[in-house]
Amino acid sequence: MSFLFGRRQEAYGNLSVQEYRQRYYEPETDHVLVDVRTVGEFLSGHIPNALNIPLDQLSRRLGEIPQGKPVIVVCASGNRSRTGADILVRGGYTEVYNLKGGTMAWMMSGGKVE
C-alpha cells in the first residue's frame, strides 16, 4: 500500500533501543553492531562492541561484516543508519535492522558508551 503513495517499503527492520536491549544486547545474542558515524564521532563515544565503518566507506568494506548474523546499524540519530541498512540489504545481507534514534537515544535511555 505504501508504494501507492510514493513511499518505498524498507527491506530492513527497525528496532527501538528497548527492543535492541531485549533481543540482542542484554542476552548477549550473537549479532554485529555497525556504527556508520565518522571516526571522530565514534571515538567520542559508541555502544560497546560496535564496529565502526563510516557510511561513506560501507559499500567497499562489506567484507568486514560477517554474513549469517543479524546486523544492527547505528548512527547518531537514525538517519545515516537507514542508508547504511539499505546498502547492507543491497549487498546481500538478509537480517538487517536500523537502530531508531541512534546513539543519542541509546545514551538518553541510560545506555553506556565506550
PDB file of N, CA and C in Angstrom:
ATOM      1  N   MET A   1       0.822  -1.193   0.000  1.00  0.00           N
ATOM      2  CA  MET A   1       0.000   0.000   0.000  1.00  0.00           C
ATOM      3  C   MET A   1       0.864   1.252   0.000  1.00  0.00           C
ATOM      4  N   SER A   2       1.975   1.247   0.738  1.00  0.00           N
ATOM      5  CA  SER A   2       2.800   2.451   0.789  1.00  0.00           C
ATOM      6  C   SER A   2       3.376   2.783  -0.580  1.00  0.00           C
ATOM      7  N   PHE A   3       3.523   1.783  -1.461  1.00  0.00           N
ATOM      8  CA  PHE A   3       4.016   2.040  -2.805  1.00  0.00           C
ATOM      9  C   PHE A   3       3.070   2.975  -3.554  1.00  0.00           C
ATOM     10  N   LEU A   4       1.787   2.842  -3.316  1.00  0.00           N
ATOM     11  CA  LEU A   4       0.799   3.672  -3.992  1.00  0.00           C
ATOM     12  C   LEU A   4       0.958   5.147  -3.655  1.00  0.00           C
ATOM     13  N   PHE A   5       1.530   5.439  -2.534  1.00  0.00           N
ATOM     14  CA  PHE A   5       1.694   6.817  -2.108  1.00  0.00           C
ATOM     15  C   PHE A   5       3.115   7.317  -2.305  1.00  0.00           C
ATOM     16  N   GLY A   6       3.900   6.601  -3.117  1.00  0.00           N
ATOM     17  CA  GLY A   6       5.245   7.054  -3.443  1.00  0.00           C
ATOM     18  C   GLY A   6       6.293   6.723  -2.404  1.00  0.00           C
ATOM     19  N   ARG A   7       5.948   5.936  -1.421  1.00  0.00           N
ATOM     20  CA  ARG A   7       6.921   5.554  -0.386  1.00  0.00           C
ATOM     21  C   ARG A   7       7.320   4.109  -0.600  1.00  0.00           C
ATOM     22  N   ARG A   8       8.602   3.884  -0.542  1.00  0.00           N
ATOM     23  CA  ARG A   8       9.147   2.548  -0.724  1.00  0.00           C
ATOM     24  C   ARG A   8       9.161   1.822   0.616  1.00  0.00           C
ATOM     25  N   GLN A   9       8.806   0.556   0.597  1.00  0.00           N
ATOM     26  CA  GLN A   9       8.869  -0.259   1.811  1.00  0.00           C
ATOM     27  C   GLN A   9      10.320  -0.669   2.048  1.00  0.00           C
ATOM     28  N   GLU A  10      10.826  -0.443   3.256  1.00  0.00           N
ATOM     29  CA  GLU A  10      12.199  -0.814   3.567  1.00  0.00           C
ATOM     30  C   GLU A  10      12.352  -2.326   3.578  1.00  0.00           C
ATOM     31  N   ALA A  11      13.531  -2.785   3.154  1.00  0.00           N
ATOM     32  CA  ALA A  11      13.841  -4.214   3.156  1.00  0.00           C
ATOM     33  C   ALA A  11      14.569  -4.600   4.435  1.00  0.00           C
ATOM     34  N   TYR A  12      14.579  -3.716   5.400  1.00  0.00           N
ATOM     35  CA  TYR A  12      15.221  -3.970   6.686  1.00  0.00           C
ATOM     36  C   TYR A  12      14.219  -3.627   7.782  1.00  0.00           C
ATOM     37  N   GLY A  13      14.516  -4.086   8.986  1.00  0.00           N
ATOM     38  CA  GLY A  13      13.646  -3.792  10.115  1.00  0.00           C
ATOM     39  C   GLY A  13      14.130  -2.590  10.897  1.00  0.00           C
ATOM     40  N   ASN A  14      13.306  -2.104  11.761  1.00  0.00           N
ATOM     41  CA  ASN A  14      13.660  -1.010  12.667  1.00  0.00           C
ATOM     42  C   ASN A  14      13.506  -1.502  14.094  1.00  0.00           C
ATOM     43  N   LEU A  15      14.513  -1.226  14.914  1.00  0.00           N
ATOM     44  CA  LEU A  15      14.477  -1.607  16.321  1.00  0.00           C
ATOM     45  C   LEU A  15      14.556  -0.364  17.186  1.00  0.00           C
ATOM     46  N   SER A  16      13.732  -0.299  18.202  1.00  0.00           N
ATOM     47  CA  SER A  16      13.892   0.749  19.207  1.00  0.00           C
ATOM     48  C   SER A  16      15.066   0.351  20.093  1.00  0.00           C
ATOM     49  N   VAL A  17      15.558   1.288  20.878  1.00  0.00           N
ATOM     50  CA  VAL A  17      16.634   0.981  21.819  1.00  0.00           C
ATOM     51  C   VAL A  17      16.185  -0.133  22.767  1.00  0.00           C
ATOM     52  N   GLN A  18      14.959  -0.057  23.255  1.00  0.00           N
ATOM     53  CA  GLN A  18      14.445  -1.079  24.169  1.00  0.00           C
ATOM     54  C   GLN A  18      14.425  -2.456  23.497  1.00  0.00           C
ATOM     55  N   GLU A  19      13.969  -2.516  22.245  1.00  0.00           N
ATOM     56  CA  GLU A  19      13.945  -3.797  21.527  1.00  0.00           C
ATOM     57  C   GLU A  19      15.359  -4.339  21.329  1.00  0.00           C
ATOM     58  N   TYR A  20      16.299  -3.451  20.996  1.00  0.00           N
ATOM     59  CA  TYR A  20      17.690  -3.880  20.822  1.00  0.00           C
ATOM     60  C   TYR A  20      18.232  -4.465  22.124  1.00  0.00           C
ATOM     61  N   ARG A  21      17.996  -3.774  23.221  1.00  0.00           N
ATOM     62  CA  ARG A  21      18.471  -4.285  24.526  1.00  0.00           C
ATOM     63  C   ARG A  21      17.902  -5.669  24.821  1.00  0.00           C
ATOM     64  N   GLN A  22      16.594  -5.815  24.637  1.00  0.00           N
ATOM     65  CA  GLN A  22      15.915  -7.061  24.996  1.00  0.00           C
ATOM     66  C   GLN A  22      16.286  -8.229  24.086  1.00  0.00           C
ATOM     67  N   ARG A  23      16.443  -7.968  22.803  1.00  0.00           N
ATOM     68  CA  ARG A  23      16.709  -9.055  21.854  1.00  0.00           C
ATOM     69  C   ARG A  23      18.185  -9.404  21.712  1.00  0.00           C
ATOM     70  N   TYR A  24      19.049  -8.405  21.786  1.00  0.00           N
ATOM     71  CA  TYR A  24      20.451  -8.636  21.434  1.00  0.00           C
ATOM     72  C   TYR A  24      21.455  -8.257  22.512  1.00  0.00           C
ATOM     73  N   TYR A  25      21.334  -7.072  23.079  1.00  0.00           N
ATOM     74  CA  TYR A  25      22.379  -6.542  23.956  1.00  0.00           C
ATOM     75  C   TYR A  25      22.436  -7.244  25.311  1.00  0.00           C
ATOM     76  N   GLU A  26      21.323  -7.284  26.010  1.00  0.00           N
ATOM     77  CA  GLU A  26      21.331  -7.864  27.361  1.00  0.00           C
ATOM     78  C   GLU A  26      21.455  -9.385  27.370  1.00  0.00           C
ATOM     79  N   PRO A  27      20.793 -10.095  26.458  1.00  0.00           N
ATOM     80  CA  PRO A  27      21.022 -11.544  26.467  1.00  0.00           C
ATOM     81  C   PRO A  27      22.324 -11.933  25.750  1.00  0.00           C
ATOM     82  N   GLU A  28      23.053 -10.938  25.252  1.00  0.00           N
ATOM     83  CA  GLU A  28      24.293 -11.159  24.504  1.00  0.00           C
ATOM     84  C   GLU A  28      24.084 -12.127  23.346  1.00  0.00           C
ATOM     85  N   THR A  29      22.988 -11.935  22.623  1.00  0.00           N
ATOM     86  CA  THR A  29      22.694 -12.722  21.433  1.00  0.00           C
ATOM     87  C   THR A  29      23.690 -12.348  20.344  1.00  0.00           C
ATOM     88  N   ASP A  30      24.188 -13.350  19.629  1.00  0.00           N
ATOM     89  CA  ASP A  30      25.184 -13.120  18.587  1.00  0.00           C
ATOM     90  C   ASP A  30      24.629 -12.185  17.508  1.00  0.00           C
ATOM     91  N   HIS A  31      25.317 -11.098  17.274  1.00  0.00           N
ATOM     92  CA  HIS A  31      24.929 -10.121  16.262  1.00  0.00           C
ATOM     93  C   HIS A  31      26.131  -9.238  15.962  1.00  0.00           C
ATOM     94  N   VAL A  32      26.000  -8.402  14.942  1.00  0.00           N
ATOM     95  CA  VAL A  32      27.026  -7.418  14.618  1.00  0.00           C
ATOM     96  C   VAL A  32      26.380  -6.043  14.698  1.00  0.00           C
ATOM     97  N   LEU A  33      26.992  -5.153  15.454  1.00  0.00           N
ATOM     98  CA  LEU A  33      26.521  -3.774  15.560  1.00  0.00           C
ATOM     99  C   LEU A  33      27.476  -2.909  14.754  1.00  0.00           C
ATOM    100  N   VAL A  34      26.981  -2.321  13.670  1.00  0.00           N
ATOM    101  CA  VAL A  34      27.807  -1.497  12.789  1.00  0.00           C
ATOM    102  C   VAL A  34      27.453  -0.033  13.010  1.00  0.00           C
ATOM    103  N   ASP A  35      28.434   0.736  13.444  1.00  0.00           N
ATOM    104  CA  ASP A  35      28.280   2.172  13.680  1.00  0.00           C
ATOM    105  C   ASP A  35      28.792   2.894  12.441  1.00  0.00           C
ATOM    106  N   VAL A  36      27.906   3.578  11.725  1.00  0.00           N
ATOM    107  CA  VAL A  36      28.274   4.210  10.456  1.00  0.00           C
ATOM    108  C   VAL A  36      28.638   5.688  10.598  1.00  0.00           C
ATOM    109  N   ARG A  37      28.870   6.132  11.829  1.00  0.00           N
ATOM    110  CA  ARG A  37      29.291   7.523  12.029  1.00  0.00           C
ATOM    111  C   ARG A  37      30.755   7.688  11.631  1.00  0.00           C
ATOM    112  N   THR A  38      31.207   8.923  11.573  1.00  0.00           N
ATOM    113  CA  THR A  38      32.608   9.191  11.265  1.00  0.00           C
ATOM    114  C   THR A  38      33.491   8.650  12.384  1.00  0.00           C
ATOM    115  N   VAL A  39      34.777   8.503  12.091  1.00  0.00           N
ATOM    116  CA  VAL A  39      35.718   8.017  13.101  1.00  0.00           C
ATOM    117  C   VAL A  39      35.717   8.941  14.316  1.00  0.00           C
ATOM    118  N   GLY A  40      35.702  10.252  14.088  1.00  0.00           N
ATOM    119  CA  GLY A  40      35.687  11.209  15.194  1.00  0.00           C
ATOM    120  C   GLY A  40      34.467  11.055  16.079  1.00  0.00           C
ATOM    121  N   GLU A  41      33.306  10.892  15.469  1.00  0.00           N
ATOM    122  CA  GLU A  41      32.075  10.686  16.241  1.00  0.00           C
ATOM    123  C   GLU A  41      32.161   9.388  17.042  1.00  0.00           C
ATOM    124  N   PHE A  42      32.651   8.350  16.400  1.00  0.00           N
ATOM    125  CA  PHE A  42      32.775   7.046  17.047  1.00  0.00           C
ATOM    126  C   PHE A  42      33.683   7.132  18.267  1.00  0.00           C
ATOM    127  N   LEU A  43      34.824   7.803  18.108  1.00  0.00           N
ATOM    128  CA  LEU A  43      35.784   7.915  19.206  1.00  0.00           C
ATOM    129  C   LEU A  43      35.261   8.762  20.360  1.00  0.00           C
ATOM    130  N   SER A  44      34.280   9.616  20.084  1.00  0.00           N
ATOM    131  CA  SER A  44      33.719  10.447  21.156  1.00  0.00           C
ATOM    132  C   SER A  44      32.745   9.668  22.039  1.00  0.00           C
ATOM    133  N   GLY A  45      32.404   8.458  21.650  1.00  0.00           N
ATOM    134  CA  GLY A  45      31.528   7.602  22.441  1.00  0.00           C
ATOM    135  C   GLY A  45      30.685   6.713  21.557  1.00  0.00           C
ATOM    136  N   HIS A  46      30.757   5.405  21.805  1.00  0.00           N
ATOM    137  CA  HIS A  46      29.999   4.451  20.998  1.00  0.00           C
ATOM    138  C   HIS A  46      29.465   3.322  21.875  1.00  0.00           C
ATOM    139  N   ILE A  47      28.462   2.644  21.376  1.00  0.00           N
ATOM    140  CA  ILE A  47      27.889   1.496  22.071  1.00  0.00           C
ATOM    141  C   ILE A  47      28.961   0.406  22.134  1.00  0.00           C
ATOM    142  N   PRO A  48      29.143  -0.219  23.298  1.00  0.00           N
ATOM    143  CA  PRO A  48      30.173  -1.250  23.425  1.00  0.00           C
ATOM    144  C   PRO A  48      30.075  -2.329  22.338  1.00  0.00           C
ATOM    145  N   ASN A  49      31.238  -2.737  21.860  1.00  0.00           N
ATOM    146  CA  ASN A  49      31.406  -3.792  20.851  1.00  0.00           C
ATOM    147  C   ASN A  49      30.952  -3.401  19.448  1.00  0.00           C
ATOM    148  N   ALA A  50      30.705  -2.125  19.211  1.00  0.00           N
ATOM    149  CA  ALA A  50      30.319  -1.684  17.871  1.00  0.00           C
ATOM    150  C   ALA A  50      31.529  -1.699  16.947  1.00  0.00           C
ATOM    151  N   LEU A  51      31.276  -2.016  15.697  1.00  0.00           N
ATOM    152  CA  LEU A  51      32.275  -1.986  14.636  1.00  0.00           C
ATOM    153  C   LEU A  51      32.078  -0.684  13.873  1.00  0.00           C
ATOM    154  N   ASN A  52      33.107   0.147  13.794  1.00  0.00           N
ATOM    155  CA  ASN A  52      32.978   1.436  13.111  1.00  0.00           C
ATOM    156  C   ASN A  52      33.367   1.314  11.646  1.00  0.00           C
ATOM    157  N   ILE A  53      32.383   1.492  10.774  1.00  0.00           N
ATOM    158  CA  ILE A  53      32.614   1.598   9.336  1.00  0.00           C
ATOM    159  C   ILE A  53      31.815   2.814   8.884  1.00  0.00           C
ATOM    160  N   PRO A  54      32.493   3.958   8.690  1.00  0.00           N
ATOM    161  CA  PRO A  54      31.775   5.166   8.280  1.00  0.00           C
ATOM    162  C   PRO A  54      30.932   4.929   7.025  1.00  0.00           C
ATOM    163  N   LEU A  55      29.790   5.583   6.976  1.00  0.00           N
ATOM    164  CA  LEU A  55      28.843   5.385   5.882  1.00  0.00           C
ATOM    165  C   LEU A  55      29.492   5.535   4.516  1.00  0.00           C
ATOM    166  N   ASP A  56      30.377   6.516   4.350  1.00  0.00           N
ATOM    167  CA  ASP A  56      30.987   6.727   3.034  1.00  0.00           C
ATOM    168  C   ASP A  56      31.975   5.623   2.644  1.00  0.00           C
ATOM    169  N   GLN A  57      32.266   4.702   3.554  1.00  0.00           N
ATOM    170  CA  GLN A  57      33.160   3.576   3.269  1.00  0.00           C
ATOM    171  C   GLN A  57      32.429   2.232   3.262  1.00  0.00           C
ATOM    172  N   LEU A  58      31.182   2.233   3.652  1.00  0.00           N
ATOM    173  CA  LEU A  58      30.454   0.989   3.887  1.00  0.00           C
ATOM    174  C   LEU A  58      30.394   0.084   2.657  1.00  0.00           C
ATOM    175  N   SER A  59      30.073   0.624   1.502  1.00  0.00           N
ATOM    176  CA  SER A  59      29.929  -0.202   0.296  1.00  0.00           C
ATOM    177  C   SER A  59      31.187  -0.994  -0.015  1.00  0.00           C
ATOM    178  N   ARG A  60      32.337  -0.380   0.172  1.00  0.00           N
ATOM    179  CA  ARG A  60      33.587  -1.071  -0.173  1.00  0.00           C
ATOM    180  C   ARG A  60      34.161  -1.895   0.976  1.00  0.00           C
ATOM    181  N   ARG A  61      33.541  -1.828   2.149  1.00  0.00           N
ATOM    182  CA  ARG A  61      34.044  -2.581   3.307  1.00  0.00           C
ATOM    183  C   ARG A  61      33.051  -3.639   3.806  1.00  0.00           C
ATOM    184  N   LEU A  62      32.102  -4.011   2.960  1.00  0.00           N
ATOM    185  CA  LEU A  62      31.102  -5.003   3.367  1.00  0.00           C
ATOM    186  C   LEU A  62      31.739  -6.317   3.800  1.00  0.00           C
ATOM    187  N   GLY A  63      32.871  -6.668   3.212  1.00  0.00           N
ATOM    188  CA  GLY A  63      33.546  -7.916   3.550  1.00  0.00           C
ATOM    189  C   GLY A  63      33.982  -8.014   4.999  1.00  0.00           C
ATOM    190  N   GLU A  64      34.025  -6.896   5.708  1.00  0.00           N
ATOM    191  CA  GLU A  64      34.400  -6.898   7.125  1.00  0.00           C
ATOM    192  C   GLU A  64      33.238  -7.285   8.042  1.00  0.00           C
ATOM    193  N   ILE A  65      32.046  -7.352   7.470  1.00  0.00           N
ATOM    194  CA  ILE A  65      30.845  -7.650   8.258  1.00  0.00           C
ATOM    195  C   ILE A  65      30.440  -9.095   7.988  1.00  0.00           C
ATOM    196  N   PRO A  66      30.448  -9.942   9.021  1.00  0.00           N
ATOM    197  CA  PRO A  66      30.104 -11.350   8.811  1.00  0.00           C
ATOM    198  C   PRO A  66      28.680 -11.535   8.287  1.00  0.00           C
ATOM    199  N   GLN A  67      28.521 -12.487   7.385  1.00  0.00           N
ATOM    200  CA  GLN A  67      27.197 -12.882   6.899  1.00  0.00           C
ATOM    201  C   GLN A  67      26.613 -13.889   7.886  1.00  0.00           C
ATOM    202  N   GLY A  68      25.332 -14.094   7.850  1.00  0.00           N
ATOM    203  CA  GLY A  68      24.693 -15.127   8.652  1.00  0.00           C
ATOM    204  C   GLY A  68      24.394 -14.740  10.089  1.00  0.00           C
ATOM    205  N   LYS A  69      24.597 -13.470  10.430  1.00  0.00           N
ATOM    206  CA  LYS A  69      24.261 -12.968  11.762  1.00  0.00           C
ATOM    207  C   LYS A  69      23.372 -11.749  11.587  1.00  0.00           C
ATOM    208  N   PRO A  70      22.524 -11.467  12.566  1.00  0.00           N
ATOM    209  CA  PRO A  70      21.781 -10.209  12.495  1.00  0.00           C
ATOM    210  C   PRO A  70      22.763  -9.035  12.514  1.00  0.00           C
ATOM    211  N   VAL A  71      22.491  -8.037  11.682  1.00  0.00           N
ATOM    212  CA  VAL A  71      23.318  -6.832  11.637  1.00  0.00           C
ATOM    213  C   VAL A  71      22.440  -5.654  12.030  1.00  0.00           C
ATOM    214  N   ILE A  72      22.856  -4.952  13.074  1.00  0.00           N
ATOM    215  CA  ILE A  72      22.144  -3.765  13.531  1.00  0.00           C
ATOM    216  C   ILE A  72      23.006  -2.573  13.160  1.00  0.00           C
ATOM    217  N   VAL A  73      22.412  -1.593  12.484  1.00  0.00           N
ATOM    218  CA  VAL A  73      23.145  -0.419  12.019  1.00  0.00           C
ATOM    219  C   VAL A  73      22.743   0.774  12.874  1.00  0.00           C
ATOM    220  N   VAL A  74      23.754   1.534  13.318  1.00  0.00           N
ATOM    221  CA  VAL A  74      23.505   2.672  14.200  1.00  0.00           C
ATOM    222  C   VAL A  74      24.306   3.876  13.723  1.00  0.00           C
ATOM    223  N   CYS A  75      23.764   5.062  13.967  1.00  0.00           N
ATOM    224  CA  CYS A  75      24.479   6.322  13.734  1.00  0.00           C
ATOM    225  C   CYS A  75      24.134   7.230  14.916  1.00  0.00           C
ATOM    226  N   ALA A  76      24.227   8.520  14.731  1.00  0.00           N
ATOM    227  CA  ALA A  76      23.925   9.440  15.833  1.00  0.00           C
ATOM    228  C   ALA A  76      22.428   9.494  16.138  1.00  0.00           C
ATOM    229  N   SER A  77      21.596   9.578  15.086  1.00  0.00           N
ATOM    230  CA  SER A  77      20.164   9.781  15.319  1.00  0.00           C
ATOM    231  C   SER A  77      19.253   8.816  14.568  1.00  0.00           C
ATOM    232  N   GLY A  78      19.784   8.020  13.668  1.00  0.00           N
ATOM    233  CA  GLY A  78      18.965   7.074  12.918  1.00  0.00           C
ATOM    234  C   GLY A  78      18.835   7.379  11.448  1.00  0.00           C
ATOM    235  N   ASN A  79      19.338   8.527  10.985  1.00  0.00           N
ATOM    236  CA  ASN A  79      19.213   8.875   9.571  1.00  0.00           C
ATOM    237  C   ASN A  79      20.244   8.166   8.702  1.00  0.00           C
ATOM    238  N   ARG A  80      21.519   8.305   9.024  1.00  0.00           N
ATOM    239  CA  ARG A  80      22.563   7.640   8.238  1.00  0.00           C
ATOM    240  C   ARG A  80      22.451   6.126   8.340  1.00  0.00           C
ATOM    241  N   SER A  81      22.005   5.643   9.476  1.00  0.00           N
ATOM    242  CA  SER A  81      21.903   4.190   9.638  1.00  0.00           C
ATOM    243  C   SER A  81      20.842   3.590   8.714  1.00  0.00           C
ATOM    244  N   ARG A  82      19.812   4.346   8.373  1.00  0.00           N
ATOM    245  CA  ARG A  82      18.831   3.853   7.396  1.00  0.00           C
ATOM    246  C   ARG A  82      19.493   3.663   6.042  1.00  0.00           C
ATOM    247  N   THR A  83      20.323   4.618   5.644  1.00  0.00           N
ATOM    248  CA  THR A  83      21.058   4.488   4.384  1.00  0.00           C
ATOM    249  C   THR A  83      22.004   3.296   4.462  1.00  0.00           C
ATOM    250  N   GLY A  84      22.678   3.151   5.600  1.00  0.00           N
ATOM    251  CA  GLY A  84      23.572   2.016   5.795  1.00  0.00           C
ATOM    252  C   GLY A  84      22.842   0.688   5.713  1.00  0.00           C
ATOM    253  N   ALA A  85      21.659   0.619   6.300  1.00  0.00           N
ATOM    254  CA  ALA A  85      20.861  -0.607   6.241  1.00  0.00           C
ATOM    255  C   ALA A  85      20.491  -0.935   4.800  1.00  0.00           C
ATOM    256  N   ASP A  86      20.139   0.072   4.013  1.00  0.00           N
ATOM    257  CA  ASP A  86      19.848  -0.138   2.586  1.00  0.00           C
ATOM    258  C   ASP A  86      21.060  -0.713   1.863  1.00  0.00           C
ATOM    259  N   ILE A  87      22.235  -0.170   2.137  1.00  0.00           N
ATOM    260  CA  ILE A  87      23.466  -0.646   1.497  1.00  0.00           C
ATOM    261  C   ILE A  87      23.704  -2.115   1.845  1.00  0.00           C
ATOM    262  N   LEU A  88      23.506  -2.474   3.098  1.00  0.00           N
ATOM    263  CA  LEU A  88      23.705  -3.861   3.517  1.00  0.00           C
ATOM    264  C   LEU A  88      22.721  -4.803   2.833  1.00  0.00           C
ATOM    265  N   VAL A  89      21.469  -4.408   2.744  1.00  0.00           N
ATOM    266  CA  VAL A  89      20.469  -5.246   2.079  1.00  0.00           C
ATOM    267  C   VAL A  89      20.846  -5.437   0.614  1.00  0.00           C
ATOM    268  N   ARG A  90      21.232  -4.361  -0.056  1.00  0.00           N
ATOM    269  CA  ARG A  90      21.659  -4.473  -1.457  1.00  0.00           C
ATOM    270  C   ARG A  90      22.913  -5.331  -1.588  1.00  0.00           C
ATOM    271  N   GLY A  91      23.717  -5.386  -0.530  1.00  0.00           N
ATOM    272  CA  GLY A  91      24.931  -6.195  -0.524  1.00  0.00           C
ATOM    273  C   GLY A  91      24.691  -7.658  -0.187  1.00  0.00           C
ATOM    274  N   GLY A  92      23.438  -8.043   0.019  1.00  0.00           N
ATOM    275  CA  GLY A  92      23.109  -9.445   0.235  1.00  0.00           C
ATOM    276  C   GLY A  92      22.864  -9.852   1.674  1.00  0.00           C
ATOM    277  N   TYR A  93      22.918  -8.917   2.597  1.00  0.00           N
ATOM    278  CA  TYR A  93      22.638  -9.236   3.998  1.00  0.00           C
ATOM    279  C   TYR A  93      21.128  -9.353   4.167  1.00  0.00           C
ATOM    280  N   THR A  94      20.706 -10.369   4.899  1.00  0.00           N
ATOM    281  CA  THR A  94      19.269 -10.656   4.957  1.00  0.00           C
ATOM    282  C   THR A  94      18.597 -10.289   6.274  1.00  0.00           C
ATOM    283  N   GLU A  95      19.349 -10.201   7.350  1.00  0.00           N
ATOM    284  CA  GLU A  95      18.752  -9.858   8.647  1.00  0.00           C
ATOM    285  C   GLU A  95      19.379  -8.553   9.130  1.00  0.00           C
ATOM    286  N   VAL A  96      18.818  -7.445   8.654  1.00  0.00           N
ATOM    287  CA  VAL A  96      19.383  -6.114   8.894  1.00  0.00           C
ATOM    288  C   VAL A  96      18.357  -5.258   9.621  1.00  0.00           C
ATOM    289  N   TYR A  97      18.844  -4.515  10.617  1.00  0.00           N
ATOM    290  CA  TYR A  97      17.970  -3.643  11.400  1.00  0.00           C
ATOM    291  C   TYR A  97      18.603  -2.270  11.573  1.00  0.00           C
ATOM    292  N   ASN A  98      17.777  -1.259  11.546  1.00  0.00           N
ATOM    293  CA  ASN A  98      18.172   0.110  11.851  1.00  0.00           C
ATOM    294  C   ASN A  98      17.834   0.371  13.318  1.00  0.00           C
ATOM    295  N   LEU A  99      18.801   0.904  14.081  1.00  0.00           N
ATOM    296  CA  LEU A  99      18.539   1.251  15.481  1.00  0.00           C
ATOM    297  C   LEU A  99      17.941   2.655  15.515  1.00  0.00           C
ATOM    298  N   LYS A 100      16.636   2.729  15.762  1.00  0.00           N
ATOM    299  CA  LYS A 100      15.920   4.008  15.752  1.00  0.00           C
ATOM    300  C   LYS A 100      16.450   4.940  16.841  1.00  0.00           C
ATOM    301  N   GLY A 101      16.699   6.176  16.458  1.00  0.00           N
ATOM    302  CA  GLY A 101      17.165   7.173  17.416  1.00  0.00           C
ATOM    303  C   GLY A 101      18.660   7.167  17.634  1.00  0.00           C
ATOM    304  N   GLY A 102      19.340   6.132  17.149  1.00  0.00           N
ATOM    305  CA  GLY A 102      20.796   6.070  17.182  1.00  0.00           C
ATOM    306  C   GLY A 102      21.422   6.128  18.564  1.00  0.00           C
ATOM    307  N   THR A 103      22.682   6.553  18.583  1.00  0.00           N
ATOM    308  CA  THR A 103      23.414   6.612  19.853  1.00  0.00           C
ATOM    309  C   THR A 103      22.818   7.656  20.790  1.00  0.00           C
ATOM    310  N   MET A 104      22.172   8.678  20.238  1.00  0.00           N
ATOM    311  CA  MET A 104      21.531   9.675  21.112  1.00  0.00           C
ATOM    312  C   MET A 104      20.428   9.017  21.934  1.00  0.00           C
ATOM    313  N   ALA A 105      19.589   8.215  21.287  1.00  0.00           N
ATOM    314  CA  ALA A 105      18.520   7.516  22.012  1.00  0.00           C
ATOM    315  C   ALA A 105      19.112   6.506  22.989  1.00  0.00           C
ATOM    316  N   TRP A 106      20.191   5.852  22.583  1.00  0.00           N
ATOM    317  CA  TRP A 106      20.864   4.886  23.458  1.00  0.00           C
ATOM    318  C   TRP A 106      21.322   5.565  24.750  1.00  0.00           C
ATOM    319  N   MET A 107      22.011   6.693  24.613  1.00  0.00           N
ATOM    320  CA  MET A 107      22.524   7.399  25.790  1.00  0.00           C
ATOM    321  C   MET A 107      21.393   7.986  26.632  1.00  0.00           C
ATOM    322  N   MET A 108      20.359   8.515  25.973  1.00  0.00           N
ATOM    323  CA  MET A 108      19.231   9.088  26.714  1.00  0.00           C
ATOM    324  C   MET A 108      18.487   8.028  27.518  1.00  0.00           C
ATOM    325  N   SER A 109      18.582   6.774  27.084  1.00  0.00           N
ATOM    326  CA  SER A 109      17.915   5.693  27.815  1.00  0.00           C
ATOM    327  C   SER A 109      18.818   5.106  28.901  1.00  0.00           C
ATOM    328  N   GLY A 110      19.988   5.708  29.083  1.00  0.00           N
ATOM    329  CA  GLY A 110      20.902   5.241  30.120  1.00  0.00           C
ATOM    330  C   GLY A 110      21.932   4.239  29.649  1.00  0.00           C
ATOM    331  N   GLY A 111      21.978   4.001  28.338  1.00  0.00           N
ATOM    332  CA  GLY A 111      22.958   3.061  27.799  1.00  0.00           C
ATOM    333  C   GLY A 111      24.371   3.591  27.944  1.00  0.00           C
ATOM    334  N   LYS A 112      25.297   2.696  28.267  1.00  0.00           N
ATOM    335  CA  LYS A 112      26.678   3.143  28.426  1.00  0.00           C
ATOM    336  C   LYS A 112      27.381   3.180  27.077  1.00  0.00           C
ATOM    337  N   VAL A 113      28.395   4.022  27.011  1.00  0.00           N
ATOM    338  CA  VAL A 113      29.218   4.139  25.812  1.00  0.00           C
ATOM    339  C   VAL A 113      30.680   3.983  26.210  1.00  0.00           C
ATOM    340  N   GLU A 114      31.472   3.602  25.242  1.00  0.00           N
ATOM    341  CA  GLU A 114      32.915   3.457  25.466  1.00  0.00           C
ATOM    342  C   GLU A 114      33.633   4.606  24.799  1.00  0.00           C
TER     343      GLU A 114
END
